[in-house]
Structures are given as structure tokens and as C-alpha cells.
Amino acid sequence: MSDAKTLAFETDCHIFDGCGFPTPGLHSFLFEPLFTVGGIEINKPMLLTTLSSVIVVGFFWAAFRNPKLVPGKLQMVGEAGYDFVRRGVVYETIGKREGEKYVPLMVSLFFFIWIMNLWSIVPIAQFPATAIIAYPAGLAAIVYILWVSLTFKRHGFLGGFKNITAYDPSLGPVFPVVMFFEFLSNVFIRPFTHAVRLFANMFAGHVLLLIFTIGAWYLLNGIGIAYSAVSFLMVLAMTVFELFIQALQAYVFILLSCSYIQGALAEHH
């Protein structure tokens, strides 16, 4: 549980009790170490990220360790998830021939991000690991390194540079300006926005859930009970909305990843 929520519940703070509303803030995203392993302090987001990896690997191992022609329920769910990413994202964006080799990576990214997002609404956990910028940044860095390496491997140094800068002399006098902004956009802004898009959505969603959850508890006193009920209804509504956003952000992340890979593989004209 984050600090703001802990403060509200443990101090039994309610309106008209003389205590102020325990507003969530940056302190709500700072966690004390839970335990130490090999000299490394493990906090809540690190533990949730590790559990996410275990869940994804464990699920697909269980689903496909003994595949059958007529799939069981677990294998059917695994195949549906795998096929959704393969056909609905990778094939549609990169193409079947070029994209097949990147399917395992995109399936792993999608389900890993989705599970990390889902922790936000899981009791006790109640925190999306992707609301810590380091995790989206690390995932975006993997895609960025892959994109850069594919670009220069496919086109060579000169061709890769032209690909990144959208080299097109036919633009005339604005040609150098376009090259500069394309280079700036692709090399610096692209990985930044790729990470921040996921981070910002999960950060904002968690803050909203905190505000309404703490608000429901804080108003639970006297005439504030009616307002507490409204705040609690907002918690339920926001939780349902978050379910949609959590899946959507995982989808958008791999969709953009595939788009970048497609751009790296495309021939420059």
C-alpha cells in the first residue's frame, strides 16, 4: 500500500476530525525496501516486476509444455493471446514474412506490460509497476536498441542514416531542416515518448484511484457519508476504466514497437 493510503487508513483520518486530507503525491510512489537479497534491496515495484515475469513465463510454459492437437482450456487461452499479438499486431504492421521472427518478443512485451499494469487493481499489491519511469524506460530502450541495430544492419551506415533522417533532396531549401528535425525526432524524442506514454497513463491512473479511495475513507464521517458513497462509486468506475487502459497501453506499446521495426526494415526512397 502506498504512503498516502497508509496514512489515511492507519491514522483513521476522517473529515471533521481536525486532520487534513492526506493528499497523494510523489511520496505515494516511493517505497521502503521489503527485504534484501544478495546485498540488493528489493522494494515493492521490484517484487511486482519479478512476479510479472514469473507469471508470464509460468503461464506460457504451463499452456504449451504438452501441446495437443485439440487444445485444453489453458492451451486455448495461450494460443488466443499469442495469435492476437501475432496476427493482430505483428503481421498487420510488419508483415508475415518479416514479422514472424519478432512475434516472441512482442508477445513477451505485451503480456509482461499488461501484468505489470494490472497490479494496480489487485488487492494488497495495488500499484502498477509501470508507474515507475525506470521500467517503461528500460522496455523502450530494448526496442530502441533493436530499431537502431536493424536500421544499420539492413541498410548499412549511409543507408541507415538516410532512413533515420528521411533523406530527400527533392524537398529543396527545407531539406536540411527536415533532416535535422527527423533526426531529432527519431533518435531522441521517439524513445522518450515511447516510455513516457506508458508511464504517464499508469501514473495518472494510479493517482486518480488513490484520490477517490482515500476520499471515500476520509469522508466516512457524519454528513460526509453521502459524499463518501459517491467517491466509492468513482473508485469502482475508475477501476473498470483502468482495466481498459491497462490493456490498451500494453497494446499501444507493442504497436509502436512494431511500427519502429517496420520502419527500420523498409526500403528508403
Protein backbone atom coordinates (compact mmCIF):
# COMPACT_ATOMS: atom_id res chain seq x y z
CA MET A 1 0.00 0.00 0.00
CA SER A 2 1.39 3.45 -0.88
CA ASP A 3 2.23 6.04 1.77
CA ALA A 4 -0.80 8.31 1.22
CA LYS A 5 -3.26 5.45 1.55
CA THR A 6 -1.42 4.05 4.56
CA LEU A 7 -1.55 7.44 6.29
CA ALA A 8 -5.29 7.75 5.72
CA PHE A 9 -6.21 4.29 6.99
CA GLU A 10 -3.69 3.78 9.79
CA THR A 11 -4.35 7.15 11.42
CA ASP A 12 -8.12 6.70 10.97
CA CYS A 13 -8.26 10.18 9.50
CA HIS A 14 -11.77 11.46 8.64
CA ILE A 15 -13.33 14.78 7.81
CA PHE A 16 -14.43 16.84 10.86
CA ASP A 17 -11.78 15.07 12.97
CA GLY A 18 -9.42 18.01 12.68
CA CYS A 19 -6.99 16.29 10.30
CA GLY A 20 -6.36 17.37 6.75
CA PHE A 21 -6.90 15.29 3.66
CA PRO A 22 -3.82 13.06 3.14
CA THR A 23 -3.18 14.13 -0.44
CA PRO A 24 -1.32 11.63 -2.63
CA GLY A 25 1.82 12.90 -4.29
CA LEU A 26 5.30 11.80 -5.28
CA HIS A 27 5.68 10.19 -1.85
CA SER A 28 2.97 7.75 -2.97
CA PHE A 29 5.49 6.32 -5.47
CA LEU A 30 8.37 5.87 -3.04
CA PHE A 31 8.70 2.53 -1.27
CA GLU A 32 10.89 1.27 1.52
CA PRO A 33 12.83 -1.97 0.91
CA LEU A 34 10.86 -5.09 1.79
CA PHE A 35 13.88 -7.36 2.11
CA THR A 36 17.45 -7.78 0.90
CA VAL A 37 18.74 -10.47 -1.46
CA GLY A 38 22.48 -10.75 -2.03
CA GLY A 39 23.02 -7.20 -0.85
CA ILE A 40 20.30 -5.87 -3.19
CA GLU A 41 17.35 -4.16 -1.51
CA ILE A 42 14.05 -5.30 -3.02
CA ASN A 43 11.13 -2.90 -2.82
CA LYS A 44 7.51 -3.34 -3.84
CA PRO A 45 7.78 -2.34 -7.55
CA MET A 46 10.82 -4.61 -7.98
CA LEU A 47 8.94 -7.51 -6.40
CA LEU A 48 5.87 -6.90 -8.59
CA THR A 49 8.04 -6.76 -11.72
CA THR A 50 9.70 -10.05 -10.79
CA LEU A 51 6.32 -11.65 -10.13
CA SER A 52 5.10 -10.37 -13.51
CA SER A 53 7.98 -12.18 -15.23
CA VAL A 54 7.27 -15.36 -13.30
CA ILE A 55 3.55 -15.21 -14.14
CA VAL A 56 4.13 -14.68 -17.89
CA VAL A 57 6.80 -17.39 -18.16
CA GLY A 58 4.84 -19.76 -15.91
CA PHE A 59 1.59 -19.31 -17.82
CA PHE A 60 3.03 -19.94 -21.28
CA TRP A 61 5.13 -22.84 -20.00
CA ALA A 62 2.03 -24.43 -18.47
CA ALA A 63 -0.04 -23.72 -21.59
CA PHE A 64 2.45 -25.18 -24.09
CA ARG A 65 4.57 -27.68 -22.16
CA ASN A 66 2.48 -30.50 -23.60
CA PRO A 67 0.64 -29.08 -26.63
CA LYS A 68 -2.22 -31.10 -28.06
CA LEU A 69 -3.98 -31.07 -31.42
CA VAL A 70 -7.25 -30.49 -29.57
CA PRO A 71 -6.17 -27.85 -27.05
CA GLY A 72 -7.27 -27.79 -23.43
CA LYS A 73 -8.60 -24.63 -21.80
CA LEU A 74 -5.18 -23.29 -20.77
CA GLN A 75 -3.61 -24.01 -24.14
CA MET A 76 -6.60 -22.43 -25.88
CA VAL A 77 -6.20 -19.21 -23.86
CA GLY A 78 -2.45 -19.19 -24.54
CA GLU A 79 -2.97 -19.71 -28.27
CA ALA A 80 -5.61 -16.97 -28.38
CA GLY A 81 -3.28 -14.49 -26.68
CA TYR A 82 -0.31 -15.44 -28.83
CA ASP A 83 -2.37 -15.31 -32.02
CA PHE A 84 -3.86 -11.92 -31.10
CA VAL A 85 -0.41 -10.36 -30.94
CA ARG A 86 0.95 -12.29 -33.93
CA ARG A 87 -1.88 -11.66 -36.37
CA GLY A 88 -3.47 -8.53 -34.94
CA VAL A 89 -0.30 -6.54 -34.37
CA VAL A 90 2.90 -8.03 -35.83
CA TYR A 91 1.54 -9.33 -39.15
CA GLU A 92 -0.61 -6.23 -39.67
CA THR A 93 2.30 -3.85 -39.01
CA ILE A 94 5.50 -5.58 -40.13
CA GLY A 95 4.10 -8.28 -42.42
CA LYS A 96 4.03 -12.05 -42.11
CA ARG A 97 7.37 -12.83 -43.76
CA GLU A 98 9.45 -10.18 -41.99
CA GLY A 99 7.48 -10.12 -38.78
CA GLU A 100 7.43 -13.78 -37.76
CA LYS A 101 10.82 -13.64 -36.02
CA TYR A 102 9.67 -10.73 -33.82
CA VAL A 103 6.46 -12.38 -32.60
CA PRO A 104 8.00 -13.94 -29.44
CA LEU A 105 9.44 -10.58 -28.38
CA MET A 106 6.15 -8.74 -28.91
CA VAL A 107 4.11 -11.42 -27.14
CA SER A 108 6.51 -11.24 -24.19
CA LEU A 109 6.37 -7.44 -24.09
CA PHE A 110 2.59 -7.31 -24.33
CA PHE A 111 1.84 -9.74 -21.54
CA PHE A 112 4.68 -8.51 -19.33
CA ILE A 113 3.48 -4.90 -19.56
CA TRP A 114 -0.16 -5.91 -19.16
CA ILE A 115 0.54 -7.86 -15.97
CA MET A 116 2.64 -5.01 -14.56
CA ASN A 117 -0.26 -2.64 -15.25
CA LEU A 118 -2.83 -4.99 -13.71
CA TRP A 119 -1.15 -4.90 -10.29
CA SER A 120 -2.84 -1.50 -9.88
CA ILE A 121 -6.19 -3.12 -9.12
CA VAL A 122 -5.00 -6.28 -7.36
CA PRO A 123 -5.67 -6.19 -3.59
CA ILE A 124 -2.56 -5.81 -1.41
CA ALA A 125 -0.39 -5.04 -4.46
CA GLN A 126 -2.43 -2.00 -5.59
CA PHE A 127 0.37 -0.44 -7.60
CA PRO A 128 1.24 -0.57 -11.31
CA ALA A 129 4.98 -1.18 -11.64
CA THR A 130 4.94 0.79 -14.91
CA ALA A 131 4.11 3.94 -12.90
CA ILE A 132 7.83 3.99 -12.06
CA ILE A 133 9.53 5.55 -15.09
CA ALA A 134 12.55 3.22 -14.93
CA TYR A 135 10.53 0.21 -16.08
CA PRO A 136 8.90 1.76 -19.20
CA ALA A 137 12.26 3.40 -19.98
CA GLY A 138 14.04 0.05 -19.80
CA LEU A 139 11.50 -1.61 -22.11
CA ALA A 140 11.61 1.33 -24.53
CA ALA A 141 15.41 1.09 -24.54
CA ILE A 142 15.21 -2.55 -25.65
CA VAL A 143 13.01 -1.57 -28.60
CA TYR A 144 15.20 1.46 -29.39
CA ILE A 145 18.41 -0.60 -29.50
CA LEU A 146 16.67 -3.18 -31.70
CA TRP A 147 15.40 -0.46 -34.04
CA VAL A 148 18.81 1.21 -34.40
CA SER A 149 20.66 -2.07 -34.93
CA LEU A 150 18.13 -3.28 -37.52
CA THR A 151 18.26 0.04 -39.37
CA PHE A 152 22.03 -0.03 -39.89
CA LYS A 153 22.20 -3.80 -40.38
CA ARG A 154 19.59 -3.68 -43.16
CA HIS A 155 20.73 -0.51 -44.94
CA GLY A 156 24.38 -0.03 -43.99
CA PHE A 157 25.75 3.12 -42.39
CA LEU A 158 24.87 5.58 -45.16
CA GLY A 159 21.51 3.97 -45.92
CA GLY A 160 20.69 3.79 -42.23
CA PHE A 161 21.48 7.47 -41.79
CA LYS A 162 19.21 8.30 -44.73
CA ASN A 163 16.46 6.14 -43.22
CA ILE A 164 16.69 7.89 -39.84
CA THR A 165 16.83 11.39 -41.30
CA ALA A 166 14.22 10.87 -44.05
CA TYR A 167 16.82 11.90 -46.63
CA ASP A 168 15.03 13.51 -49.59
CA PRO A 169 16.90 16.19 -51.63
CA SER A 170 13.77 16.82 -53.68
CA LEU A 171 12.45 18.89 -50.77
CA GLY A 172 14.68 21.74 -51.89
CA PRO A 173 15.71 24.52 -49.46
CA VAL A 174 13.86 22.95 -46.48
CA PHE A 175 15.73 19.67 -46.97
CA PRO A 176 18.39 20.31 -44.23
CA VAL A 177 15.73 21.49 -41.78
CA VAL A 178 13.62 18.38 -42.37
CA MET A 179 16.69 16.16 -41.91
CA PHE A 180 17.54 17.85 -38.63
CA PHE A 181 14.05 17.50 -37.16
CA GLU A 182 13.66 13.93 -38.40
CA PHE A 183 16.97 13.02 -36.79
CA LEU A 184 15.96 14.76 -33.56
CA SER A 185 12.56 13.09 -33.58
CA ASN A 186 13.75 9.57 -34.34
CA VAL A 187 16.92 9.44 -32.26
CA PHE A 188 15.90 11.41 -29.16
CA ILE A 189 12.17 12.11 -28.99
CA ARG A 190 10.94 8.68 -30.16
CA PRO A 191 12.36 6.59 -27.28
CA PHE A 192 11.35 9.30 -24.77
CA THR A 193 7.71 9.42 -25.87
CA HIS A 194 7.59 5.62 -26.19
CA ALA A 195 8.45 5.29 -22.50
CA VAL A 196 6.55 8.32 -21.20
CA ARG A 197 3.27 7.37 -22.91
CA LEU A 198 3.06 4.16 -20.87
CA PHE A 199 4.44 5.71 -17.69
CA ALA A 200 2.21 8.79 -17.71
CA ASN A 201 -1.01 6.84 -18.23
CA MET A 202 -0.26 4.41 -15.41
CA PHE A 203 0.98 7.19 -13.13
CA ALA A 204 -2.14 9.30 -13.68
CA GLY A 205 -4.48 6.33 -13.31
CA HIS A 206 -2.91 5.33 -10.00
CA VAL A 207 -3.14 8.88 -8.66
CA LEU A 208 -6.85 9.06 -9.55
CA LEU A 209 -7.54 5.74 -7.84
CA LEU A 210 -5.64 6.95 -4.78
CA ILE A 211 -7.57 10.21 -4.62
CA PHE A 212 -11.01 8.58 -4.78
CA THR A 213 -10.07 5.66 -2.49
CA ILE A 214 -8.63 7.95 0.18
CA GLY A 215 -11.52 10.35 -0.36
CA ALA A 216 -14.08 7.60 0.29
CA TRP A 217 -12.38 6.79 3.61
CA TYR A 218 -11.75 10.41 4.58
CA LEU A 219 -15.39 11.44 4.04
CA LEU A 220 -16.74 8.48 6.00
CA ASN A 221 -17.92 10.61 8.91
CA GLY A 222 -21.17 12.43 9.71
CA ILE A 223 -22.84 14.11 6.77
CA GLY A 224 -19.79 13.26 4.68
CA ILE A 225 -21.02 9.66 4.35
CA ALA A 226 -23.16 10.55 1.32
CA TYR A 227 -20.11 12.05 -0.41
CA SER A 228 -18.07 9.03 0.66
CA ALA A 229 -20.51 6.78 -1.21
CA VAL A 230 -20.10 8.87 -4.36
CA SER A 231 -16.31 8.69 -4.04
CA PHE A 232 -16.52 4.92 -3.61
CA LEU A 233 -18.65 4.62 -6.75
CA MET A 234 -15.96 6.59 -8.56
CA VAL A 235 -13.39 4.07 -7.32
CA LEU A 236 -15.44 1.27 -8.90
CA ALA A 237 -15.89 3.22 -12.13
CA MET A 238 -12.19 4.13 -12.29
CA THR A 239 -11.22 0.51 -11.65
CA VAL A 240 -13.28 -0.65 -14.65
CA PHE A 241 -11.82 2.17 -16.75
CA GLU A 242 -8.31 1.24 -15.62
CA LEU A 243 -8.86 -2.33 -16.79
CA PHE A 244 -9.39 -0.98 -20.29
CA ILE A 245 -6.45 1.46 -20.11
CA GLN A 246 -4.08 -1.21 -18.79
CA ALA A 247 -4.69 -3.49 -21.75
CA LEU A 248 -4.75 -0.57 -24.19
CA GLN A 249 -1.37 0.78 -23.09
CA ALA A 250 0.24 -2.64 -23.44
CA TYR A 251 -1.26 -2.87 -26.94
CA VAL A 252 -0.11 0.65 -27.91
CA PHE A 253 3.43 -0.06 -26.68
CA ILE A 254 3.90 -3.12 -28.89
CA LEU A 255 2.04 -1.49 -31.79
CA LEU A 256 4.55 1.36 -31.76
CA SER A 257 7.40 -1.13 -31.32
CA CYS A 258 6.29 -2.99 -34.44
CA SER A 259 5.91 0.30 -36.29
CA TYR A 260 9.50 1.23 -35.48
CA ILE A 261 10.78 -2.18 -36.58
CA GLN A 262 8.80 -1.92 -39.81
CA GLY A 263 10.38 1.46 -40.45
CA ALA A 264 13.83 0.02 -39.88
CA LEU A 265 13.23 -2.77 -42.36
CA ALA A 266 11.53 -0.65 -45.04
CA GLU A 267 13.50 0.44 -48.07
CA HIS A 268 14.31 4.14 -48.19
CA HIS A 269 13.02 6.01 -51.23
